[in-house]
Amino acid sequence: MRNDAIPSRRAVLVGLAAGLALGRGALAEGLPTVAVNKDPSCGCCERWVTHLRKAGFAVTVTEGPVNPLKIRLGVPRELFSCHTAQVGGYVIEGHVPAGVIKRLLAERPEGTGLAVPGMPAGSPGMEVEDMQPETYDVVLFGKDGRSTFARYRGGEPA
């Protein structure tokens, strides 16, 4: 066997480092991971996670008590919903459509995060057969108060 046909340890390490650097670049161009915290018995949360994955997000799910996390992250009580997520430095509370999360990450407005208070019928994860979807606001909240960031009817902009 020829000696020059076997790559040196240095050549292998340089190749691995180059591959990792290229891989990181590819990940940086994609969507960030959404870290979801939910109650273990909530089915609508699972459907919302599926909605996010179909939209191209990687999602991690942690099950357990969520209210202490909501309080720690600064979600106002009147905006509480059934699950809380974190992505790109923002908090996502409730059934926020994936398209609105993508807009948030692209525009990067000042604020703590987005919320869809309650559980509006027809919002992602809350689709119910034979039930008309509700119109609802997606609220941008933070230390300076709150404002409507988007308005939706079911899973579509209103």
C-alpha atoms as a PDB file:
ATOM      1  CA  MET A   1       0.000   0.000   0.000  1.00  0.00           C
ATOM      2  CA  ARG A   2       1.333   3.421  -0.913  1.00  0.00           C
ATOM      3  CA  ASN A   3       1.930   5.793   1.984  1.00  0.00           C
ATOM      4  CA  ASP A   4       0.706   8.871   0.076  1.00  0.00           C
ATOM      5  CA  ALA A   5      -2.716   7.254  -0.457  1.00  0.00           C
ATOM      6  CA  ILE A   6      -3.426   7.380   3.297  1.00  0.00           C
ATOM      7  CA  PRO A   7      -4.395  10.868   4.447  1.00  0.00           C
ATOM      8  CA  SER A   8      -2.425  12.295   7.332  1.00  0.00           C
ATOM      9  CA  ARG A   9      -4.110  12.960  10.663  1.00  0.00           C
ATOM     10  CA  ARG A  10      -3.724  16.693   9.968  1.00  0.00           C
ATOM     11  CA  ALA A  11      -5.464  16.375   6.575  1.00  0.00           C
ATOM     12  CA  VAL A  12      -8.360  14.506   8.196  1.00  0.00           C
ATOM     13  CA  LEU A  13      -8.721  17.148  10.944  1.00  0.00           C
ATOM     14  CA  VAL A  14      -8.603  20.010   8.435  1.00  0.00           C
ATOM     15  CA  GLY A  15     -11.271  18.268   6.353  1.00  0.00           C
ATOM     16  CA  LEU A  16     -13.504  17.741   9.385  1.00  0.00           C
ATOM     17  CA  ALA A  17     -13.111  21.374  10.455  1.00  0.00           C
ATOM     18  CA  ALA A  18     -14.013  22.572   6.956  1.00  0.00           C
ATOM     19  CA  GLY A  19     -17.057  20.324   6.908  1.00  0.00           C
ATOM     20  CA  LEU A  20     -18.218  21.627  10.288  1.00  0.00           C
ATOM     21  CA  ALA A  21     -17.753  25.230   9.174  1.00  0.00           C
ATOM     22  CA  LEU A  22     -19.805  24.607   6.039  1.00  0.00           C
ATOM     23  CA  GLY A  23     -22.469  22.863   8.090  1.00  0.00           C
ATOM     24  CA  ARG A  24     -22.714  25.801  10.499  1.00  0.00           C
ATOM     25  CA  GLY A  25     -23.107  28.197   7.592  1.00  0.00           C
ATOM     26  CA  ALA A  26     -25.937  26.147   6.173  1.00  0.00           C
ATOM     27  CA  LEU A  27     -27.675  26.072   9.563  1.00  0.00           C
ATOM     28  CA  ALA A  28     -27.269  29.844   9.957  1.00  0.00           C
ATOM     29  CA  GLU A  29     -29.242  30.331   6.731  1.00  0.00           C
ATOM     30  CA  GLY A  30     -32.138  28.176   7.982  1.00  0.00           C
ATOM     31  CA  LEU A  31     -34.727  28.775  10.658  1.00  0.00           C
ATOM     32  CA  PRO A  32     -33.742  28.651  14.321  1.00  0.00           C
ATOM     33  CA  THR A  33     -34.957  25.933  16.648  1.00  0.00           C
ATOM     34  CA  VAL A  34     -38.148  26.636  18.575  1.00  0.00           C
ATOM     35  CA  ALA A  35     -38.005  25.424  22.197  1.00  0.00           C
ATOM     36  CA  VAL A  36     -41.574  24.630  23.290  1.00  0.00           C
ATOM     37  CA  ASN A  37     -42.673  24.130  26.897  1.00  0.00           C
ATOM     38  CA  LYS A  38     -46.080  22.511  27.317  1.00  0.00           C
ATOM     39  CA  ASP A  39     -48.309  20.609  29.670  1.00  0.00           C
ATOM     40  CA  PRO A  40     -47.915  16.846  29.083  1.00  0.00           C
ATOM     41  CA  SER A  41     -51.647  16.300  28.579  1.00  0.00           C
ATOM     42  CA  CYS A  42     -52.263  19.030  25.985  1.00  0.00           C
ATOM     43  CA  GLY A  43     -53.116  17.746  22.490  1.00  0.00           C
ATOM     44  CA  CYS A  44     -53.543  21.152  20.856  1.00  0.00           C
ATOM     45  CA  CYS A  45     -49.927  21.967  21.759  1.00  0.00           C
ATOM     46  CA  GLU A  46     -48.790  18.880  19.841  1.00  0.00           C
ATOM     47  CA  ARG A  47     -50.791  20.028  16.809  1.00  0.00           C
ATOM     48  CA  TRP A  48     -49.153  23.490  17.050  1.00  0.00           C
ATOM     49  CA  VAL A  49     -45.703  21.830  17.164  1.00  0.00           C
ATOM     50  CA  THR A  50     -46.651  19.871  14.013  1.00  0.00           C
ATOM     51  CA  HIS A  51     -47.694  23.169  12.362  1.00  0.00           C
ATOM     52  CA  LEU A  52     -44.266  24.677  13.152  1.00  0.00           C
ATOM     53  CA  ARG A  53     -42.407  21.640  11.828  1.00  0.00           C
ATOM     54  CA  LYS A  54     -44.405  21.696   8.581  1.00  0.00           C
ATOM     55  CA  ALA A  55     -43.368  25.358   8.220  1.00  0.00           C
ATOM     56  CA  GLY A  56     -39.688  24.353   8.397  1.00  0.00           C
ATOM     57  CA  PHE A  57     -38.830  24.959  12.045  1.00  0.00           C
ATOM     58  CA  ALA A  58     -36.897  22.453  14.112  1.00  0.00           C
ATOM     59  CA  VAL A  59     -38.742  22.078  17.417  1.00  0.00           C
ATOM     60  CA  THR A  60     -37.747  20.737  20.821  1.00  0.00           C
ATOM     61  CA  VAL A  61     -40.483  19.977  23.348  1.00  0.00           C
ATOM     62  CA  THR A  62     -40.207  19.994  27.136  1.00  0.00           C
ATOM     63  CA  GLU A  63     -43.184  18.852  29.163  1.00  0.00           C
ATOM     64  CA  GLY A  64     -43.977  20.092  32.640  1.00  0.00           C
ATOM     65  CA  PRO A  65     -45.400  23.082  34.513  1.00  0.00           C
ATOM     66  CA  VAL A  66     -45.369  26.135  32.240  1.00  0.00           C
ATOM     67  CA  ASN A  67     -46.740  28.995  34.363  1.00  0.00           C
ATOM     68  CA  PRO A  68     -43.484  29.577  36.304  1.00  0.00           C
ATOM     69  CA  LEU A  69     -41.660  29.846  32.957  1.00  0.00           C
ATOM     70  CA  LYS A  70     -44.235  32.312  31.592  1.00  0.00           C
ATOM     71  CA  ILE A  71     -43.759  34.529  34.638  1.00  0.00           C
ATOM     72  CA  ARG A  72     -39.941  34.306  34.462  1.00  0.00           C
ATOM     73  CA  LEU A  73     -39.985  35.222  30.739  1.00  0.00           C
ATOM     74  CA  GLY A  74     -42.256  38.237  31.293  1.00  0.00           C
ATOM     75  CA  VAL A  75     -45.500  37.047  29.683  1.00  0.00           C
ATOM     76  CA  PRO A  76     -48.349  39.201  31.086  1.00  0.00           C
ATOM     77  CA  ARG A  77     -51.004  37.038  32.777  1.00  0.00           C
ATOM     78  CA  GLU A  78     -53.765  38.317  30.497  1.00  0.00           C
ATOM     79  CA  LEU A  79     -51.825  36.917  27.505  1.00  0.00           C
ATOM     80  CA  PHE A  80     -51.313  33.423  28.976  1.00  0.00           C
ATOM     81  CA  SER A  81     -52.215  30.491  26.767  1.00  0.00           C
ATOM     82  CA  CYS A  82     -51.549  26.756  26.940  1.00  0.00           C
ATOM     83  CA  HIS A  83     -47.879  26.648  25.900  1.00  0.00           C
ATOM     84  CA  THR A  84     -44.812  28.892  25.825  1.00  0.00           C
ATOM     85  CA  ALA A  85     -41.943  28.782  23.357  1.00  0.00           C
ATOM     86  CA  GLN A  86     -38.649  30.552  22.823  1.00  0.00           C
ATOM     87  CA  VAL A  87     -37.008  31.268  19.481  1.00  0.00           C
ATOM     88  CA  GLY A  88     -34.377  33.717  18.300  1.00  0.00           C
ATOM     89  CA  GLY A  89     -34.382  35.638  21.591  1.00  0.00           C
ATOM     90  CA  TYR A  90     -38.185  36.042  21.626  1.00  0.00           C
ATOM     91  CA  VAL A  91     -40.984  34.447  23.643  1.00  0.00           C
ATOM     92  CA  ILE A  92     -43.917  32.913  21.744  1.00  0.00           C
ATOM     93  CA  GLU A  93     -47.080  32.437  23.806  1.00  0.00           C
ATOM     94  CA  GLY A  94     -49.935  30.327  22.515  1.00  0.00           C
ATOM     95  CA  HIS A  95     -51.090  29.444  19.015  1.00  0.00           C
ATOM     96  CA  VAL A  96     -49.036  31.968  17.012  1.00  0.00           C
ATOM     97  CA  PRO A  97     -48.976  31.091  13.278  1.00  0.00           C
ATOM     98  CA  ALA A  98     -45.557  30.046  11.940  1.00  0.00           C
ATOM     99  CA  GLY A  99     -45.677  32.747   9.252  1.00  0.00           C
ATOM    100  CA  VAL A 100     -45.944  35.440  11.925  1.00  0.00           C
ATOM    101  CA  ILE A 101     -42.966  33.941  13.783  1.00  0.00           C
ATOM    102  CA  LYS A 102     -40.948  34.078  10.548  1.00  0.00           C
ATOM    103  CA  ARG A 103     -41.950  37.734  10.113  1.00  0.00           C
ATOM    104  CA  LEU A 104     -40.931  38.479  13.725  1.00  0.00           C
ATOM    105  CA  LEU A 105     -37.516  36.915  13.148  1.00  0.00           C
ATOM    106  CA  ALA A 106     -37.037  38.810   9.884  1.00  0.00           C
ATOM    107  CA  GLU A 107     -38.140  42.232  11.194  1.00  0.00           C
ATOM    108  CA  ARG A 108     -36.692  41.894  14.742  1.00  0.00           C
ATOM    109  CA  PRO A 109     -38.956  44.512  16.398  1.00  0.00           C
ATOM    110  CA  GLU A 110     -38.357  45.747  19.952  1.00  0.00           C
ATOM    111  CA  GLY A 111     -40.300  43.549  22.325  1.00  0.00           C
ATOM    112  CA  THR A 112     -40.280  40.445  24.448  1.00  0.00           C
ATOM    113  CA  GLY A 113     -42.350  38.314  22.105  1.00  0.00           C
ATOM    114  CA  LEU A 114     -45.652  37.450  20.471  1.00  0.00           C
ATOM    115  CA  ALA A 115     -48.837  36.067  21.993  1.00  0.00           C
ATOM    116  CA  VAL A 116     -52.187  34.750  20.866  1.00  0.00           C
ATOM    117  CA  PRO A 117     -54.154  34.957  24.111  1.00  0.00           C
ATOM    118  CA  GLY A 118     -56.544  32.138  24.876  1.00  0.00           C
ATOM    119  CA  MET A 119     -57.082  29.420  22.343  1.00  0.00           C
ATOM    120  CA  PRO A 120     -58.986  30.885  19.354  1.00  0.00           C
ATOM    121  CA  ALA A 121     -60.842  28.386  17.187  1.00  0.00           C
ATOM    122  CA  GLY A 122     -59.074  27.839  13.894  1.00  0.00           C
ATOM    123  CA  SER A 123     -55.674  29.106  15.051  1.00  0.00           C
ATOM    124  CA  PRO A 124     -52.818  26.654  14.315  1.00  0.00           C
ATOM    125  CA  GLY A 125     -53.415  23.608  16.490  1.00  0.00           C
ATOM    126  CA  MET A 126     -56.958  24.672  17.357  1.00  0.00           C
ATOM    127  CA  GLU A 127     -58.643  23.618  14.125  1.00  0.00           C
ATOM    128  CA  VAL A 128     -61.978  22.023  14.953  1.00  0.00           C
ATOM    129  CA  GLU A 129     -64.099  20.328  12.288  1.00  0.00           C
ATOM    130  CA  ASP A 130     -67.458  22.039  11.686  1.00  0.00           C
ATOM    131  CA  MET A 131     -66.424  25.097  13.731  1.00  0.00           C
ATOM    132  CA  GLN A 132     -65.948  28.493  12.097  1.00  0.00           C
ATOM    133  CA  PRO A 133     -62.474  29.936  12.674  1.00  0.00           C
ATOM    134  CA  GLU A 134     -62.284  33.036  14.852  1.00  0.00           C
ATOM    135  CA  THR A 135     -60.550  36.301  14.003  1.00  0.00           C
ATOM    136  CA  TYR A 136     -57.813  37.045  16.525  1.00  0.00           C
ATOM    137  CA  ASP A 137     -54.884  39.378  17.108  1.00  0.00           C
ATOM    138  CA  VAL A 138     -51.264  38.334  17.394  1.00  0.00           C
ATOM    139  CA  VAL A 139     -49.925  40.674  20.065  1.00  0.00           C
ATOM    140  CA  LEU A 140     -46.357  42.002  20.276  1.00  0.00           C
ATOM    141  CA  PHE A 141     -45.616  42.523  23.968  1.00  0.00           C
ATOM    142  CA  GLY A 142     -42.714  43.899  25.961  1.00  0.00           C
ATOM    143  CA  LYS A 143     -41.628  46.449  28.529  1.00  0.00           C
ATOM    144  CA  ASP A 144     -43.205  49.280  26.515  1.00  0.00           C
ATOM    145  CA  GLY A 145     -46.647  47.656  26.488  1.00  0.00           C
ATOM    146  CA  ARG A 146     -48.346  45.783  23.667  1.00  0.00           C
ATOM    147  CA  SER A 147     -49.559  46.293  20.162  1.00  0.00           C
ATOM    148  CA  THR A 148     -51.214  44.267  17.422  1.00  0.00           C
ATOM    149  CA  PHE A 149     -48.501  42.690  15.264  1.00  0.00           C
ATOM    150  CA  ALA A 150     -50.871  40.777  12.978  1.00  0.00           C
ATOM    151  CA  ARG A 151     -54.543  39.856  12.669  1.00  0.00           C
ATOM    152  CA  TYR A 152     -55.620  36.394  11.601  1.00  0.00           C
ATOM    153  CA  ARG A 153     -58.776  34.463  10.887  1.00  0.00           C
ATOM    154  CA  GLY A 154     -58.019  30.826  11.520  1.00  0.00           C
ATOM    155  CA  GLY A 155     -54.604  30.154   9.998  1.00  0.00           C
ATOM    156  CA  GLU A 156     -54.761  32.975   7.432  1.00  0.00           C
ATOM    157  CA  PRO A 157     -54.098  36.739   7.648  1.00  0.00           C
ATOM    158  CA  ALA A 158     -57.371  38.631   8.129  1.00  0.00           C
END
